[in-house]
Amino acid sequence: MHFRTAGKKASAFFLAALLAFSSGIQPALAAGISLVRDAETENMIREFSTPIWRAAGLLPSSVRVYLVQDNRINAFVTAGQRMFLNTGLITQADTPLEVIGVIAHETGHMAGGHLVRGQEAMSKMSLPMIASMVLGIGAMAAGAGDAGMAIIAGGSHIAQRSVLAYSRQQEGAADQAGATYLQRAGMSGKGMLDLFSKFRDQEALSTTQQDPFIQSHPISEDRLASLEERVNASPYFDQTDTPERIHQFKMVQAKLFGFVDEPSVTMRRFPQSDQSDYARYARAIAYHKLGQNEQSLAEIDALLKKEADNPYVWELKGQVLFESGRAAEAVGPYHRALSLKQGEPQLQLGLAQALLAIENSGLGGSGAAAGTPIASAAAPLSPSISDKPQLLAKLDQTEIARIALGYLQTSSKTDPENPTTFFQLAIAHGRLNNIGMAELSTAEYYEAIGAMRDARGHAATAQRHFKEGSPEWLRAQDIMQEEG
């Protein structure tokens, strides 16, 4: 999946940086998995999942959800309360309840402590181990700057085909547990039953034609019968998806189709005769991938007439403008998106990236003098400025960097596992002549992607700029002493 479209100076810079950072690990890449970052999809999944996790006695803030870029239906969990869902599960499901059913089933595996069989390393997997095989880091892979959709490619040691091989006993237990959690949460298990019934029909197919889920989650007639009995007995069996949930789900499906499929496929799936919100959303992305950004923006603006309060449509507009080299114009849409979804770390990151990419009259101007650290961040961007590219272009580069730094620092606290945030923090600190913090952020970036040799080198350089025993000095020390 390749999201990079037309780009100018900023895009060229980030692409060069991406290639430089990934060149040392590309030989290790093989048939691995690709992780996709998207705030809209992730938030939808968390909305679906939170009642289930609570019903299972799990702390929602402790569960990590990862989207796997794969058109086939699959889902799996690993130790450390990490749940992986294929994009194909979302795009091929007929209803939100079907996805919710799979989430409940996987929660049953998670709460039951079912471990990965024959893959002991996976039971100890941490995010840096996943990210150590990074090919595309966050927003850079999505067009050198987008913080919405982004790919992180994993190595062969976590290839999906060998991730899970649950026993039939574990499968039945996960079914029953999932159905229990759904009932406790006041939700129907019909979606789980419907989807698993479809999988039963796949058992007659060759393994090359089956979805991975059926291979790692064997479905027997007895298992399906037991699940049907349990689900039908629930007082919530007849509960259906609300119109609002269905609309949310179809918008996410359209976005995934737009980003995952080739533009020609998207255009066939959503022809111009289709003027629905979903079709416009998908076509806007397809046009952008083709570099036809005016057509893309026209679709987005038409969509915004009906979806004016949808932060993710504003985010997409910011992405299209940013990736077409119009960073100052992208700030307003990103700012609007963040005002509608306050505190969303990926939107904060997107806004900060757009700010840092602005070419303005302050470049090379009244920045900090050499050796003068500027540690503080500026107040958030004013709405009176964010929508006026001509005013943004007049801001001093130092002021822009300080504003961006504030958003990035907040984003990193909420989403500390995003390597792109550290990459952008390094840029912001560098602009402000905070050499120690720029080096420390670079070290944290390398640590996040598992390149520990580079991480330790930058941490050692950073440490020389801090007072011994200070929090920054100690953080650098931790990185230097980390194994790997």
Protein backbone atom coordinates (compact mmCIF):
# COMPACT_ATOMS: atom_id res chain seq x y z
CA MET A 1 0.00 0.00 0.00
CA HIS A 2 1.56 3.25 -1.10
CA PHE A 3 0.01 6.53 -0.03
CA ARG A 4 2.63 8.96 -1.30
CA THR A 5 1.23 11.15 -4.05
CA ALA A 6 2.33 14.50 -5.44
CA GLY A 7 4.75 16.26 -3.14
CA LYS A 8 7.13 19.19 -3.21
CA LYS A 9 10.01 20.30 -1.04
CA ALA A 10 8.64 19.11 2.28
CA SER A 11 7.69 15.72 0.85
CA ALA A 12 11.09 15.28 -0.77
CA PHE A 13 12.77 16.06 2.53
CA PHE A 14 10.76 13.55 4.53
CA LEU A 15 11.13 10.87 1.87
CA ALA A 16 14.89 11.28 1.91
CA ALA A 17 14.87 11.05 5.69
CA LEU A 18 12.68 7.95 5.53
CA LEU A 19 15.01 6.19 3.13
CA ALA A 20 18.00 7.09 5.25
CA PHE A 21 16.41 5.77 8.43
CA SER A 22 15.12 2.56 6.88
CA SER A 23 18.13 1.60 4.75
CA GLY A 24 19.86 -0.19 7.59
CA ILE A 25 16.98 -2.52 8.28
CA GLN A 26 15.58 -3.23 4.84
CA PRO A 27 17.65 -6.42 4.45
CA ALA A 28 15.76 -7.83 7.42
CA LEU A 29 12.40 -7.24 5.82
CA ALA A 30 10.58 -10.17 4.32
CA ALA A 31 7.02 -11.41 4.28
CA GLY A 32 5.96 -9.54 7.40
CA ILE A 33 2.93 -7.53 8.41
CA SER A 34 2.12 -3.88 7.83
CA LEU A 35 0.57 -1.80 10.56
CA VAL A 36 -1.72 1.08 9.60
CA ARG A 37 -2.25 4.18 11.74
CA ASP A 38 -5.54 6.04 11.35
CA ALA A 39 -7.24 8.01 14.10
CA GLU A 40 -10.74 7.54 12.71
CA THR A 41 -10.50 3.76 12.41
CA GLU A 42 -8.70 3.33 15.72
CA ASN A 43 -11.23 5.44 17.60
CA MET A 44 -14.12 3.52 16.06
CA ILE A 45 -12.57 0.21 17.10
CA ARG A 46 -12.02 1.49 20.63
CA GLU A 47 -15.64 2.65 20.81
CA PHE A 48 -16.75 -0.83 19.76
CA SER A 49 -14.33 -2.53 22.14
CA THR A 50 -14.40 -0.55 25.39
CA PRO A 51 -17.69 -1.98 26.75
CA ILE A 52 -16.45 -5.49 25.94
CA TRP A 53 -13.09 -4.99 27.62
CA ARG A 54 -14.75 -3.61 30.72
CA ALA A 55 -17.13 -6.57 30.80
CA ALA A 56 -14.08 -8.86 30.63
CA GLY A 57 -12.45 -7.10 33.57
CA LEU A 58 -9.77 -5.50 31.39
CA LEU A 59 -8.66 -1.89 31.75
CA PRO A 60 -9.36 -0.29 28.35
CA SER A 61 -6.39 2.06 28.62
CA SER A 62 -4.11 -0.98 28.96
CA VAL A 63 -5.26 -2.65 25.74
CA ARG A 64 -3.40 -1.72 22.54
CA VAL A 65 -5.12 -2.12 19.18
CA TYR A 66 -3.16 -2.37 15.93
CA LEU A 67 -4.57 -2.28 12.41
CA VAL A 68 -2.91 -4.71 10.02
CA GLN A 69 -2.94 -3.72 6.34
CA ASP A 70 -4.22 -6.95 4.82
CA ASN A 71 -7.36 -7.44 2.71
CA ARG A 72 -8.01 -10.86 4.17
CA ILE A 73 -10.17 -11.38 7.24
CA ASN A 74 -8.12 -12.06 10.33
CA ALA A 75 -7.57 -10.99 13.92
CA PHE A 76 -5.25 -12.15 16.67
CA VAL A 77 -3.94 -11.21 20.09
CA THR A 78 -0.55 -11.43 21.74
CA ALA A 79 0.64 -11.19 25.31
CA GLY A 80 0.72 -7.73 26.77
CA GLN A 81 -2.96 -7.15 25.87
CA ARG A 82 -2.25 -6.36 22.22
CA MET A 83 -5.00 -6.96 19.68
CA PHE A 84 -4.39 -6.97 15.92
CA LEU A 85 -7.24 -6.56 13.41
CA ASN A 86 -6.86 -6.86 9.64
CA THR A 87 -8.25 -4.03 7.56
CA GLY A 88 -9.93 -6.80 5.56
CA LEU A 89 -12.02 -7.68 8.60
CA ILE A 90 -13.47 -4.16 8.55
CA THR A 91 -13.92 -3.81 4.80
CA GLN A 92 -15.46 -7.26 4.29
CA ALA A 93 -17.80 -7.23 7.28
CA ASP A 94 -21.43 -6.52 6.47
CA THR A 95 -22.26 -4.87 9.78
CA PRO A 96 -20.50 -3.30 12.76
CA LEU A 97 -21.87 -6.16 14.89
CA GLU A 98 -19.75 -8.63 12.90
CA VAL A 99 -16.58 -6.72 13.77
CA ILE A 100 -17.76 -6.38 17.35
CA GLY A 101 -18.27 -10.14 17.47
CA VAL A 102 -14.67 -10.78 16.42
CA ILE A 103 -13.44 -8.26 18.99
CA ALA A 104 -15.41 -10.08 21.67
CA HIS A 105 -13.98 -13.43 20.56
CA GLU A 106 -10.40 -12.11 20.60
CA THR A 107 -11.05 -10.55 24.00
CA GLY A 108 -11.96 -14.04 25.12
CA HIS A 109 -8.51 -15.22 24.04
CA MET A 110 -6.89 -12.23 25.72
CA ALA A 111 -8.72 -12.56 29.03
CA GLY A 112 -8.23 -16.33 28.94
CA GLY A 113 -4.48 -16.00 28.66
CA HIS A 114 -4.31 -18.10 25.47
CA LEU A 115 -0.73 -17.85 24.28
CA VAL A 116 0.73 -18.07 20.81
CA ARG A 117 1.55 -21.71 20.14
CA GLY A 118 4.94 -22.49 18.65
CA GLN A 119 5.87 -18.81 18.68
CA GLU A 120 7.30 -18.13 22.11
CA ALA A 121 8.98 -14.94 20.98
CA MET A 122 5.59 -13.44 20.25
CA SER A 123 4.51 -13.91 23.85
CA LYS A 124 7.24 -11.47 24.87
CA MET A 125 6.74 -9.10 21.96
CA SER A 126 6.97 -5.40 22.72
CA LEU A 127 6.18 -2.53 20.40
CA PRO A 128 9.87 -1.72 19.74
CA MET A 129 10.30 -5.32 18.61
CA ILE A 130 7.40 -4.85 16.20
CA ALA A 131 8.66 -1.49 15.02
CA SER A 132 12.26 -2.65 14.65
CA MET A 133 11.34 -3.81 11.17
CA VAL A 134 9.98 -0.43 10.16
CA LEU A 135 9.92 0.34 6.45
CA GLY A 136 7.57 3.30 6.50
CA ILE A 137 7.40 5.41 9.60
CA GLY A 138 4.06 6.90 10.47
CA ALA A 139 3.00 9.84 8.41
CA MET A 140 6.05 9.80 6.14
CA ALA A 141 4.88 6.61 4.45
CA ALA A 142 1.52 8.22 3.82
CA GLY A 143 2.94 10.96 1.64
CA ALA A 144 5.75 12.50 3.67
CA GLY A 145 3.68 14.08 6.34
CA ASP A 146 0.21 12.71 6.86
CA ALA A 147 -0.48 11.68 10.42
CA GLY A 148 -3.72 9.96 9.45
CA MET A 149 -3.13 6.82 7.44
CA ALA A 150 0.37 5.44 7.77
CA ILE A 151 2.13 2.13 7.29
CA ILE A 152 4.61 0.45 9.58
CA ALA A 153 5.89 -2.74 8.00
CA GLY A 154 6.90 -5.58 10.28
CA GLY A 155 9.51 -8.28 9.80
CA SER A 156 9.09 -11.90 8.89
CA HIS A 157 9.47 -13.03 12.49
CA ILE A 158 5.93 -11.78 13.11
CA ALA A 159 4.40 -12.93 9.83
CA GLN A 160 0.70 -13.54 10.28
CA ARG A 161 0.75 -17.02 8.89
CA SER A 162 2.61 -18.23 11.97
CA VAL A 163 1.16 -15.93 14.60
CA LEU A 164 -1.69 -18.03 15.96
CA ALA A 165 -2.67 -21.63 15.99
CA TYR A 166 -5.28 -21.90 18.68
CA SER A 167 -6.61 -25.26 19.77
CA ARG A 168 -10.24 -26.10 19.17
CA GLN A 169 -10.74 -26.11 22.93
CA GLN A 170 -9.40 -22.57 23.20
CA GLU A 171 -11.61 -21.49 20.32
CA GLY A 172 -14.73 -22.76 22.00
CA ALA A 173 -13.74 -21.14 25.28
CA ALA A 174 -13.11 -17.80 23.52
CA ASP A 175 -16.53 -18.04 21.85
CA GLN A 176 -18.33 -18.59 25.12
CA ALA A 177 -16.34 -15.91 26.91
CA GLY A 178 -16.96 -13.44 24.10
CA ALA A 179 -20.68 -14.12 24.18
CA THR A 180 -20.69 -13.59 27.94
CA TYR A 181 -18.87 -10.27 27.64
CA LEU A 182 -21.29 -9.09 24.96
CA GLN A 183 -24.27 -9.94 27.15
CA ARG A 184 -22.71 -8.18 30.14
CA ALA A 185 -22.17 -5.14 27.95
CA GLY A 186 -25.78 -5.22 26.75
CA MET A 187 -24.73 -6.04 23.18
CA SER A 188 -25.91 -8.67 20.71
CA GLY A 189 -23.74 -11.63 19.75
CA LYS A 190 -25.57 -12.07 16.45
CA GLY A 191 -22.69 -10.50 14.52
CA MET A 192 -20.24 -13.07 15.87
CA LEU A 193 -22.60 -15.86 14.91
CA ASP A 194 -23.23 -14.44 11.44
CA LEU A 195 -19.56 -14.01 10.62
CA PHE A 196 -18.53 -17.41 11.96
CA SER A 197 -21.31 -19.02 9.95
CA LYS A 198 -19.76 -17.53 6.82
CA PHE A 199 -16.40 -19.03 7.80
CA ARG A 200 -17.96 -22.47 8.08
CA ASP A 201 -18.61 -22.32 4.36
CA GLN A 202 -14.88 -21.72 3.75
CA GLU A 203 -13.80 -25.01 5.29
CA ALA A 204 -14.50 -26.76 1.98
CA LEU A 205 -12.08 -24.42 0.18
CA SER A 206 -8.37 -25.06 -0.26
CA THR A 207 -6.13 -23.36 2.28
CA THR A 208 -4.92 -20.91 -0.36
CA GLN A 209 -8.50 -19.67 -0.77
CA GLN A 210 -9.37 -19.50 2.90
CA ASP A 211 -9.08 -16.37 5.00
CA PRO A 212 -6.31 -16.67 7.62
CA PHE A 213 -8.89 -16.48 10.38
CA ILE A 214 -10.37 -19.85 9.46
CA GLN A 215 -6.90 -21.42 9.39
CA SER A 216 -5.86 -20.19 12.84
CA HIS A 217 -9.36 -20.28 14.37
CA PRO A 218 -10.82 -23.66 13.29
CA ILE A 219 -14.62 -23.69 13.26
CA SER A 220 -16.39 -27.00 13.76
CA GLU A 221 -20.11 -27.77 13.55
CA ASP A 222 -20.17 -28.54 17.28
CA ARG A 223 -18.44 -25.26 18.10
CA LEU A 224 -20.86 -23.28 15.93
CA ALA A 225 -23.86 -25.06 17.44
CA SER A 226 -22.68 -24.26 20.97
CA LEU A 227 -22.14 -20.62 20.04
CA GLU A 228 -25.57 -20.40 18.41
CA GLU A 229 -27.25 -21.78 21.52
CA ARG A 230 -25.38 -19.32 23.75
CA VAL A 231 -25.98 -16.26 21.57
CA ASN A 232 -29.67 -17.00 20.94
CA ALA A 233 -30.26 -17.18 24.69
CA SER A 234 -29.08 -13.62 25.23
CA PRO A 235 -31.80 -11.04 25.98
CA TYR A 236 -29.94 -8.69 23.61
CA PHE A 237 -29.94 -11.04 20.61
CA ASP A 238 -32.34 -8.88 18.57
CA GLN A 239 -30.45 -5.66 19.25
CA THR A 240 -29.30 -4.04 16.00
CA ASP A 241 -26.73 -1.45 15.02
CA THR A 242 -27.88 2.15 15.33
CA PRO A 243 -28.01 4.30 12.17
CA GLU A 244 -25.22 6.43 13.62
CA ARG A 245 -22.98 3.41 14.12
CA ILE A 246 -23.71 2.12 10.62
CA HIS A 247 -22.83 5.51 9.12
CA GLN A 248 -19.60 5.66 11.12
CA PHE A 249 -18.72 2.13 9.99
CA LYS A 250 -19.42 2.82 6.31
CA MET A 251 -17.30 5.98 6.41
CA VAL A 252 -14.38 3.99 7.79
CA GLN A 253 -14.91 1.28 5.18
CA ALA A 254 -14.89 3.91 2.42
CA LYS A 255 -11.67 5.41 3.76
CA LEU A 256 -9.96 2.03 3.90
CA PHE A 257 -11.12 1.16 0.39
CA GLY A 258 -9.73 4.49 -0.82
CA PHE A 259 -6.34 4.03 0.78
CA VAL A 260 -5.88 0.28 0.34
CA ASP A 261 -7.23 -0.26 -3.18
CA GLU A 262 -5.74 0.99 -6.42
CA PRO A 263 -7.49 4.19 -7.59
CA SER A 264 -8.98 2.39 -10.59
CA VAL A 265 -10.60 -0.16 -8.28
CA THR A 266 -11.92 2.59 -6.03
CA MET A 267 -13.43 4.43 -8.99
CA ARG A 268 -15.19 1.27 -10.14
CA ARG A 269 -16.47 0.59 -6.65
CA PHE A 270 -17.61 4.20 -6.19
CA PRO A 271 -18.46 5.63 -9.64
CA GLN A 272 -19.27 9.31 -10.18
CA SER A 273 -22.95 8.42 -10.34
CA ASP A 274 -22.73 7.56 -6.64
CA GLN A 275 -23.02 10.84 -4.74
CA SER A 276 -23.18 9.32 -1.25
CA ASP A 277 -20.92 10.50 1.54
CA TYR A 278 -19.05 7.20 1.39
CA ALA A 279 -18.39 7.45 -2.34
CA ARG A 280 -17.12 11.02 -2.05
CA TYR A 281 -14.81 10.03 0.82
CA ALA A 282 -13.29 7.14 -1.12
CA ARG A 283 -13.00 9.06 -4.40
CA ALA A 284 -11.32 12.00 -2.64
CA ILE A 285 -8.58 9.63 -1.50
CA ALA A 286 -8.30 7.96 -4.91
CA TYR A 287 -7.95 11.33 -6.66
CA HIS A 288 -5.28 12.34 -4.17
CA LYS A 289 -3.34 9.14 -4.80
CA LEU A 290 -3.47 9.96 -8.51
CA GLY A 291 -2.12 13.45 -7.84
CA GLN A 292 -5.41 15.02 -8.98
CA ASN A 293 -5.67 17.17 -5.90
CA GLU A 294 -8.18 19.73 -7.14
CA GLN A 295 -10.65 16.92 -7.86
CA SER A 296 -9.87 15.49 -4.46
CA LEU A 297 -10.52 18.81 -2.72
CA ALA A 298 -13.74 19.27 -4.68
CA GLU A 299 -15.03 15.93 -3.36
CA ILE A 300 -13.97 16.84 0.18
CA ASP A 301 -15.62 20.27 0.07
CA ALA A 302 -18.85 18.72 -1.19
CA LEU A 303 -18.65 16.18 1.62
CA LEU A 304 -18.04 18.89 4.22
CA LYS A 305 -21.36 20.49 3.33
CA LYS A 306 -22.97 17.45 4.98
CA GLU A 307 -20.15 16.40 7.33
CA ALA A 308 -19.05 19.82 8.64
CA ASP A 309 -18.57 18.45 12.16
CA ASN A 310 -16.61 15.36 11.12
CA PRO A 311 -13.02 15.88 12.28
CA TYR A 312 -11.65 13.17 10.02
CA VAL A 313 -12.95 14.77 6.82
CA TRP A 314 -11.20 17.98 7.88
CA GLU A 315 -8.10 15.89 8.61
CA LEU A 316 -8.22 14.46 5.08
CA LYS A 317 -8.45 17.96 3.64
CA GLY A 318 -5.40 18.93 5.66
CA GLN A 319 -3.57 15.85 4.40
CA VAL A 320 -4.36 16.55 0.75
CA LEU A 321 -3.23 20.17 1.04
CA PHE A 322 -0.12 19.25 3.00
CA GLU A 323 0.98 16.48 0.69
CA SER A 324 0.47 18.68 -2.36
CA GLY A 325 2.99 21.18 -0.96
CA ARG A 326 0.45 23.64 0.52
CA ALA A 327 1.44 23.37 4.17
CA ALA A 328 0.19 26.82 5.23
CA GLU A 329 -3.24 26.06 3.76
CA ALA A 330 -3.26 22.67 5.51
CA VAL A 331 -2.96 24.22 8.96
CA GLY A 332 -6.56 25.50 9.02
CA PRO A 333 -8.20 22.13 8.26
CA TYR A 334 -5.94 20.30 10.71
CA HIS A 335 -6.71 22.92 13.35
CA ARG A 336 -10.43 22.57 12.68
CA ALA A 337 -10.16 18.77 12.96
CA LEU A 338 -8.42 19.09 16.32
CA SER A 339 -11.04 21.50 17.61
CA LEU A 340 -13.70 18.89 16.81
CA LYS A 341 -11.73 16.00 18.33
CA GLN A 342 -9.79 17.65 21.11
CA GLY A 343 -6.82 15.80 22.48
CA GLU A 344 -6.52 13.36 19.54
CA PRO A 345 -2.75 12.76 19.32
CA GLN A 346 -2.64 11.94 15.60
CA LEU A 347 -4.43 15.19 14.78
CA GLN A 348 -2.01 17.09 16.99
CA LEU A 349 0.84 15.44 15.13
CA GLY A 350 -0.66 16.28 11.75
CA LEU A 351 -1.10 19.94 12.70
CA ALA A 352 2.45 20.15 14.04
CA GLN A 353 3.90 18.63 10.87
CA ALA A 354 2.04 21.13 8.72
CA LEU A 355 3.31 24.00 10.85
CA LEU A 356 6.90 22.81 10.67
CA ALA A 357 6.68 22.52 6.89
CA ILE A 358 5.61 26.13 6.33
CA GLU A 359 8.05 28.18 4.29
CA ASN A 360 7.78 31.69 5.61
CA SER A 361 9.54 34.99 5.98
CA GLY A 362 10.98 33.92 9.30
CA LEU A 363 13.18 31.20 7.77
CA GLY A 364 16.76 32.01 8.53
CA GLY A 365 15.59 35.16 10.28
CA SER A 366 15.21 35.97 13.93
CA GLY A 367 15.60 32.48 15.34
CA ALA A 368 17.55 31.72 18.48
CA ALA A 369 21.22 32.55 18.55
CA ALA A 370 23.61 29.65 18.49
CA GLY A 371 23.95 28.05 21.88
CA THR A 372 20.76 29.64 23.22
CA PRO A 373 18.30 26.90 24.23
CA ILE A 374 14.59 27.59 24.06
CA ALA A 375 12.81 24.94 26.09
CA SER A 376 9.29 26.31 26.33
CA ALA A 377 6.46 25.74 23.90
CA ALA A 378 4.14 28.50 22.74
CA ALA A 379 0.42 28.66 23.42
CA PRO A 380 -1.85 26.72 21.02
CA LEU A 381 -2.49 28.23 17.64
CA SER A 382 -5.17 30.92 17.50
CA PRO A 383 -8.18 30.17 15.23
CA SER A 384 -7.87 33.72 13.92
CA ILE A 385 -4.50 32.77 12.47
CA SER A 386 -4.93 29.10 11.58
CA ASP A 387 -7.36 29.80 8.74
CA LYS A 388 -5.22 32.55 7.22
CA PRO A 389 -2.21 31.14 5.36
CA GLN A 390 -0.99 34.67 4.59
CA LEU A 391 -0.68 35.39 8.33
CA LEU A 392 1.00 32.07 9.01
CA ALA A 393 3.56 32.86 6.33
CA LYS A 394 4.51 36.00 8.22
CA LEU A 395 5.12 34.30 11.54
CA ASP A 396 8.69 33.96 12.63
CA GLN A 397 10.12 30.45 12.23
CA THR A 398 10.96 30.33 15.92
CA GLU A 399 7.38 31.11 16.89
CA ILE A 400 6.03 28.45 14.54
CA ALA A 401 8.44 25.87 15.95
CA ARG A 402 7.40 26.72 19.51
CA ILE A 403 3.71 26.33 18.63
CA ALA A 404 4.40 23.00 16.90
CA LEU A 405 6.47 21.85 19.86
CA GLY A 406 3.51 22.31 22.18
CA TYR A 407 1.28 20.09 20.06
CA LEU A 408 4.00 17.46 19.71
CA GLN A 409 4.73 17.33 23.42
CA THR A 410 1.05 16.81 24.16
CA SER A 411 0.74 14.20 21.41
CA SER A 412 3.73 12.23 22.70
CA LYS A 413 2.22 11.98 26.19
CA THR A 414 -1.02 10.51 24.84
CA ASP A 415 0.51 8.35 22.11
CA PRO A 416 4.04 7.54 23.31
CA GLU A 417 4.47 4.66 20.84
CA ASN A 418 4.40 6.73 17.65
CA PRO A 419 7.91 7.06 16.19
CA THR A 420 6.86 9.92 13.92
CA THR A 421 6.14 12.13 16.92
CA PHE A 422 9.75 11.80 18.10
CA PHE A 423 10.98 12.47 14.57
CA GLN A 424 8.98 15.71 14.46
CA LEU A 425 10.03 16.63 18.01
CA ALA A 426 13.64 16.40 16.88
CA ILE A 427 12.88 18.83 14.04
CA ALA A 428 11.07 21.27 16.33
CA HIS A 429 13.80 21.21 18.97
CA GLY A 430 16.44 21.61 16.28
CA ARG A 431 14.69 24.70 14.94
CA LEU A 432 14.73 26.12 18.46
CA ASN A 433 18.40 25.30 18.94
CA ASN A 434 17.55 22.85 21.74
CA ILE A 435 20.40 20.58 20.70
CA GLY A 436 20.18 18.29 23.70
CA MET A 437 16.44 17.76 23.30
CA ALA A 438 16.81 17.33 19.53
CA GLU A 439 19.36 14.56 20.12
CA LEU A 440 17.24 12.96 22.83
CA SER A 441 14.15 12.99 20.59
CA THR A 442 16.21 11.44 17.81
CA ALA A 443 17.38 8.76 20.23
CA GLU A 444 13.76 8.08 21.23
CA TYR A 445 12.80 7.85 17.57
CA TYR A 446 15.47 5.21 16.92
CA GLU A 447 14.52 3.40 20.12
CA ALA A 448 10.88 3.30 18.99
CA ILE A 449 11.81 1.61 15.71
CA GLY A 450 14.25 -0.77 17.41
CA ALA A 451 17.47 0.67 15.93
CA MET A 452 19.23 0.59 19.28
CA ARG A 453 22.77 1.23 18.04
CA ASP A 454 21.69 4.57 16.60
CA ALA A 455 19.49 5.25 19.63
CA ARG A 456 22.40 4.81 22.03
CA GLY A 457 24.66 7.00 19.94
CA HIS A 458 22.23 9.92 19.92
CA ALA A 459 21.42 9.38 23.62
CA ALA A 460 25.12 9.66 24.45
CA THR A 461 25.35 12.92 22.51
CA ALA A 462 22.20 14.22 24.18
CA GLN A 463 23.44 13.42 27.65
CA ARG A 464 26.37 15.81 27.26
CA HIS A 465 23.89 18.71 27.00
CA PHE A 466 22.05 17.95 30.26
CA LYS A 467 22.87 18.33 33.90
CA GLU A 468 23.81 15.02 35.46
CA GLY A 469 20.86 13.51 37.29
CA SER A 470 18.25 15.64 35.52
CA PRO A 471 15.16 13.86 34.09
CA GLU A 472 16.51 14.33 30.54
CA TRP A 473 19.95 13.01 31.52
CA LEU A 474 18.36 9.99 33.17
CA ARG A 475 16.17 9.32 30.14
CA ALA A 476 19.22 9.35 27.90
CA GLN A 477 20.95 7.01 30.36
CA ASP A 478 18.03 4.58 30.19
CA ILE A 479 18.27 4.45 26.39
CA MET A 480 22.03 3.93 26.51
CA GLN A 481 21.62 0.98 28.88
CA GLU A 482 18.74 -0.65 27.01
CA GLU A 483 19.47 -4.03 25.50
CA GLY A 484 19.09 -4.75 21.81
